[in-house]
Amino acid sequence: MTEKDIYDKRKFYKTKLEPLIHELKLQCNMEHMPMFVTVAVKNDKAGTEYASDMVLAGSGTELENN
């Protein structure tokens, strides 16, 4: 068994990454490009916490189901 990394990057996500993801979503919306992102923002012995966001339904683009 290996030791897991323990970290809490929720503040970094909120202050640095969330604005970038917001801009990415805006750009994808304007170009009708579906996108998704998931970031592991916290990890400890209890588990991993993820932050996810996406542009899908409003993009007007229908993707293949593969």
C-alpha atoms as a PDB file:
ATOM      1  CA  MET A   1       0.000   0.000   0.000  1.00  0.00           C
ATOM      2  CA  THR A   2       1.347   3.446  -0.922  1.00  0.00           C
ATOM      3  CA  GLU A   3       0.805   6.643   1.006  1.00  0.00           C
ATOM      4  CA  LYS A   4      -1.648   9.028  -0.678  1.00  0.00           C
ATOM      5  CA  ASP A   5      -0.954  12.706  -1.257  1.00  0.00           C
ATOM      6  CA  ILE A   6      -2.873  14.930   1.139  1.00  0.00           C
ATOM      7  CA  TYR A   7      -3.676  18.431  -0.065  1.00  0.00           C
ATOM      8  CA  ASP A   8      -6.379  21.100  -0.116  1.00  0.00           C
ATOM      9  CA  LYS A   9      -6.291  23.323  -3.213  1.00  0.00           C
ATOM     10  CA  ARG A  10      -9.875  24.592  -2.984  1.00  0.00           C
ATOM     11  CA  LYS A  11      -8.753  28.199  -2.384  1.00  0.00           C
ATOM     12  CA  PHE A  12      -6.342  28.038  -5.348  1.00  0.00           C
ATOM     13  CA  TYR A  13      -9.126  26.608  -7.501  1.00  0.00           C
ATOM     14  CA  LYS A  14     -11.549  29.352  -6.445  1.00  0.00           C
ATOM     15  CA  THR A  15      -9.126  32.248  -6.931  1.00  0.00           C
ATOM     16  CA  LYS A  16      -6.997  31.119  -9.895  1.00  0.00           C
ATOM     17  CA  LEU A  17      -8.641  28.309 -11.851  1.00  0.00           C
ATOM     18  CA  GLU A  18     -12.326  29.160 -11.599  1.00  0.00           C
ATOM     19  CA  PRO A  19     -11.886  32.477 -13.495  1.00  0.00           C
ATOM     20  CA  LEU A  20      -9.948  30.652 -16.229  1.00  0.00           C
ATOM     21  CA  ILE A  21     -12.618  27.966 -16.477  1.00  0.00           C
ATOM     22  CA  HIS A  22     -15.292  30.662 -16.685  1.00  0.00           C
ATOM     23  CA  GLU A  23     -13.432  32.222 -19.640  1.00  0.00           C
ATOM     24  CA  LEU A  24     -13.023  28.812 -21.260  1.00  0.00           C
ATOM     25  CA  LYS A  25     -16.766  28.194 -20.917  1.00  0.00           C
ATOM     26  CA  LEU A  26     -17.563  31.581 -22.488  1.00  0.00           C
ATOM     27  CA  GLN A  27     -15.281  30.910 -25.447  1.00  0.00           C
ATOM     28  CA  CYS A  28     -16.679  27.406 -25.947  1.00  0.00           C
ATOM     29  CA  ASN A  29     -20.245  28.737 -25.780  1.00  0.00           C
ATOM     30  CA  MET A  30     -19.497  31.343 -28.433  1.00  0.00           C
ATOM     31  CA  GLU A  31     -18.058  28.677 -30.743  1.00  0.00           C
ATOM     32  CA  HIS A  32     -20.757  26.071 -29.893  1.00  0.00           C
ATOM     33  CA  MET A  33     -18.125  23.658 -28.588  1.00  0.00           C
ATOM     34  CA  PRO A  34     -19.080  21.238 -25.815  1.00  0.00           C
ATOM     35  CA  MET A  35     -16.473  20.962 -23.068  1.00  0.00           C
ATOM     36  CA  PHE A  36     -15.997  19.537 -19.619  1.00  0.00           C
ATOM     37  CA  VAL A  37     -13.375  19.863 -16.915  1.00  0.00           C
ATOM     38  CA  THR A  38     -12.839  18.072 -13.615  1.00  0.00           C
ATOM     39  CA  VAL A  39     -10.175  19.047 -11.093  1.00  0.00           C
ATOM     40  CA  ALA A  40      -9.268  17.125  -7.932  1.00  0.00           C
ATOM     41  CA  VAL A  41      -9.269  20.086  -5.525  1.00  0.00           C
ATOM     42  CA  LYS A  42      -8.804  18.237  -2.230  1.00  0.00           C
ATOM     43  CA  ASN A  43      -7.487  14.856  -1.187  1.00  0.00           C
ATOM     44  CA  ASP A  44      -7.169  13.275   2.238  1.00  0.00           C
ATOM     45  CA  LYS A  45      -7.674   9.951   3.963  1.00  0.00           C
ATOM     46  CA  ALA A  46     -11.469  10.408   3.771  1.00  0.00           C
ATOM     47  CA  GLY A  47     -11.441  10.707  -0.030  1.00  0.00           C
ATOM     48  CA  THR A  48     -11.039  13.041  -2.974  1.00  0.00           C
ATOM     49  CA  GLU A  49     -13.148  16.128  -3.658  1.00  0.00           C
ATOM     50  CA  TYR A  50     -13.656  17.207  -7.271  1.00  0.00           C
ATOM     51  CA  ALA A  51     -14.825  20.422  -8.904  1.00  0.00           C
ATOM     52  CA  SER A  52     -16.476  19.904 -12.290  1.00  0.00           C
ATOM     53  CA  ASP A  53     -17.949  22.188 -14.918  1.00  0.00           C
ATOM     54  CA  MET A  54     -19.164  21.803 -18.477  1.00  0.00           C
ATOM     55  CA  VAL A  55     -20.801  23.266 -21.547  1.00  0.00           C
ATOM     56  CA  LEU A  56     -23.096  20.733 -23.202  1.00  0.00           C
ATOM     57  CA  ALA A  57     -26.825  21.239 -23.604  1.00  0.00           C
ATOM     58  CA  GLY A  58     -26.644  24.928 -24.487  1.00  0.00           C
ATOM     59  CA  SER A  59     -23.945  24.448 -27.085  1.00  0.00           C
ATOM     60  CA  GLY A  60     -26.386  23.284 -29.767  1.00  0.00           C
ATOM     61  CA  THR A  61     -23.915  20.637 -30.851  1.00  0.00           C
ATOM     62  CA  GLU A  62     -24.931  16.991 -30.914  1.00  0.00           C
ATOM     63  CA  LEU A  63     -22.098  14.542 -30.358  1.00  0.00           C
ATOM     64  CA  GLU A  64     -21.725  10.894 -31.264  1.00  0.00           C
ATOM     65  CA  ASN A  65     -22.373   8.427 -28.450  1.00  0.00           C
ATOM     66  CA  ASN A  66     -19.074   6.547 -28.543  1.00  0.00           C
END
